[in-house]
Each structure stands twice: as structure tokens, then as C-alpha cells.
Amino acid sequence: MSDCIFCQIVSKHIPAQVVYEDEALLAFKDIRPAAPVHLLLIPKQHMASLADAQATDEALLGKMLLAVPKIAAENGLAHGFKTQINTGVGGGQEVFHLHIHILGQPA
């Protein structure tokens, strides 16, 4: 989606401080951090929100959740972290591309 800021980050049209990347996922530092460590983990394929996920997305969603602890640990949060997924306008979602916030304070 050309108007999606996260899709533009995936396609490298907008720079980001990438901390993790594989064939399906990308994680980068939030530009408006709400914690000393505030990362966003997104699927490279566009999915507007968690509410749009289908049964065919099960493996991708599992891959995202399993990547979170690894990404957190690699960024100083091995002792613990908070995750957050805002879904839809009523859930506080501002960028309509599925993303997991990974937040915490380094030890």
C-alpha cells in the first residue's frame, strides 16, 4: 500500500532505525518512544490491523509473537518487557498496519 507509512519503511522509501529483519518481519525504533526502549514489530506484508487477520495468517502471527522475546533481549530487555497491539480507532491504533509495540527499561 503506497500510502501506508510502514509499507514505505518496508520498501526502504522511508528510513527507519531497523533492529531486526527477516523474510517476513521488520522491527524498528519508534520515532515517538513511550519508554526508554520502544520498538515496533511489523509484518512486511500489509495487514491493516489484528482484526483483519484470517486463519491463513496464523503462522505469520505466531512468528511475530515468537520473535518478540528475541528482539526484546537483543535490545536490552532480557529481564522483561511490555507488549501492546492497538487495534482499530477505538483501540488507539494510529497507523493502520498491524504492529506490536515492544516497550521496556534496560536493566
Protein backbone atom coordinates (compact mmCIF):
# COMPACT_ATOMS: atom_id res chain seq x y z
CA MET A 1 0.00 0.00 0.00
CA SER A 2 1.76 3.12 -1.21
CA ASP A 3 0.12 5.44 1.32
CA CYS A 4 0.98 3.27 4.34
CA ILE A 5 3.99 4.66 6.20
CA PHE A 6 5.03 1.21 7.45
CA CYS A 7 4.85 -0.24 3.93
CA GLN A 8 7.10 2.62 2.85
CA ILE A 9 9.54 1.69 5.62
CA VAL A 10 9.48 -1.95 4.44
CA SER A 11 10.21 -0.84 0.87
CA LYS A 12 13.03 1.44 2.15
CA HIS A 13 11.36 4.59 0.80
CA ILE A 14 11.30 5.99 4.34
CA PRO A 15 14.32 5.43 6.61
CA ALA A 16 14.00 3.74 9.98
CA GLN A 17 16.37 2.54 12.70
CA VAL A 18 15.95 -1.16 11.97
CA VAL A 19 16.85 -3.52 14.81
CA TYR A 20 15.62 -6.79 13.27
CA GLU A 21 14.69 -8.05 9.83
CA ASP A 22 13.93 -11.39 8.26
CA GLU A 23 11.95 -12.51 5.22
CA ALA A 24 8.56 -11.76 6.82
CA LEU A 25 9.14 -9.26 9.65
CA LEU A 26 10.75 -5.92 10.34
CA ALA A 27 11.39 -4.27 13.72
CA PHE A 28 12.50 -0.70 14.20
CA LYS A 29 12.72 2.03 16.84
CA ASP A 30 9.57 4.07 17.39
CA ILE A 31 10.09 7.72 16.43
CA ARG A 32 7.91 8.82 19.38
CA PRO A 33 9.11 6.49 22.15
CA ALA A 34 6.90 6.00 25.19
CA ALA A 35 9.67 4.13 27.06
CA PRO A 36 13.49 4.10 27.04
CA VAL A 37 13.26 1.14 24.64
CA HIS A 38 10.27 1.34 22.30
CA LEU A 39 10.32 -0.84 19.21
CA LEU A 40 7.69 -1.67 16.61
CA LEU A 41 7.48 -5.12 15.04
CA ILE A 42 5.54 -5.33 11.78
CA PRO A 43 4.83 -7.94 9.15
CA LYS A 44 6.29 -6.97 5.79
CA GLN A 45 3.01 -7.81 4.12
CA HIS A 46 0.34 -5.21 4.70
CA MET A 47 -2.39 -6.12 7.16
CA ALA A 48 -4.36 -3.15 8.45
CA SER A 49 -4.96 -4.48 11.96
CA LEU A 50 -5.23 -7.58 14.08
CA ALA A 51 -8.98 -7.52 13.39
CA ASP A 52 -8.19 -8.21 9.73
CA ALA A 53 -6.20 -11.38 10.45
CA GLN A 54 -7.50 -14.59 8.92
CA ALA A 55 -6.86 -18.25 9.68
CA THR A 56 -4.31 -18.19 6.84
CA ASP A 57 -2.29 -15.64 8.86
CA GLU A 58 -1.83 -17.98 11.83
CA ALA A 59 1.80 -18.84 11.02
CA LEU A 60 2.72 -15.18 10.49
CA LEU A 61 1.09 -14.11 13.76
CA GLY A 62 2.87 -16.92 15.59
CA LYS A 63 6.18 -15.91 14.01
CA MET A 64 5.62 -12.34 15.20
CA LEU A 65 4.89 -13.38 18.78
CA LEU A 66 7.86 -15.75 18.92
CA ALA A 67 10.17 -13.02 17.57
CA VAL A 68 9.23 -10.54 20.32
CA PRO A 69 11.31 -12.05 23.19
CA LYS A 70 14.35 -12.41 20.92
CA ILE A 71 14.10 -8.82 19.69
CA ALA A 72 13.48 -7.56 23.22
CA ALA A 73 16.53 -9.41 24.59
CA GLU A 74 18.75 -8.15 21.76
CA ASN A 75 17.74 -4.60 22.68
CA GLY A 76 18.44 -4.71 26.41
CA LEU A 77 15.13 -6.09 27.67
CA ALA A 78 16.15 -9.66 28.58
CA HIS A 79 14.77 -9.14 32.10
CA GLY A 80 11.28 -8.25 30.86
CA PHE A 81 9.22 -6.09 28.56
CA LYS A 82 5.69 -4.99 27.76
CA THR A 83 3.88 -5.66 24.50
CA GLN A 84 0.93 -3.78 23.11
CA ILE A 85 -1.22 -4.15 19.99
CA ASN A 86 -3.65 -1.31 19.36
CA THR A 87 -6.49 -2.43 17.10
CA GLY A 88 -8.79 -0.03 15.30
CA VAL A 89 -9.65 3.57 16.05
CA GLY A 90 -11.38 2.61 19.30
CA GLY A 91 -8.26 0.71 20.37
CA GLY A 92 -5.98 3.69 19.80
CA GLN A 93 -4.44 2.49 16.54
CA GLU A 94 -2.87 5.39 14.65
CA VAL A 95 -1.02 3.62 11.83
CA PHE A 96 -3.22 1.10 10.07
CA HIS A 97 -0.62 -1.60 9.51
CA LEU A 98 -0.52 -4.34 12.15
CA HIS A 99 2.28 -3.71 14.64
CA ILE A 100 3.37 -4.88 18.05
CA HIS A 101 4.85 -2.32 20.41
CA ILE A 102 7.76 -3.71 22.45
CA LEU A 103 8.47 -1.45 25.42
CA GLY A 104 10.73 -1.51 28.43
CA GLN A 105 13.55 -0.19 30.52
CA PRO A 106 17.02 -1.68 30.08
CA ALA A 107 18.45 -3.32 33.21
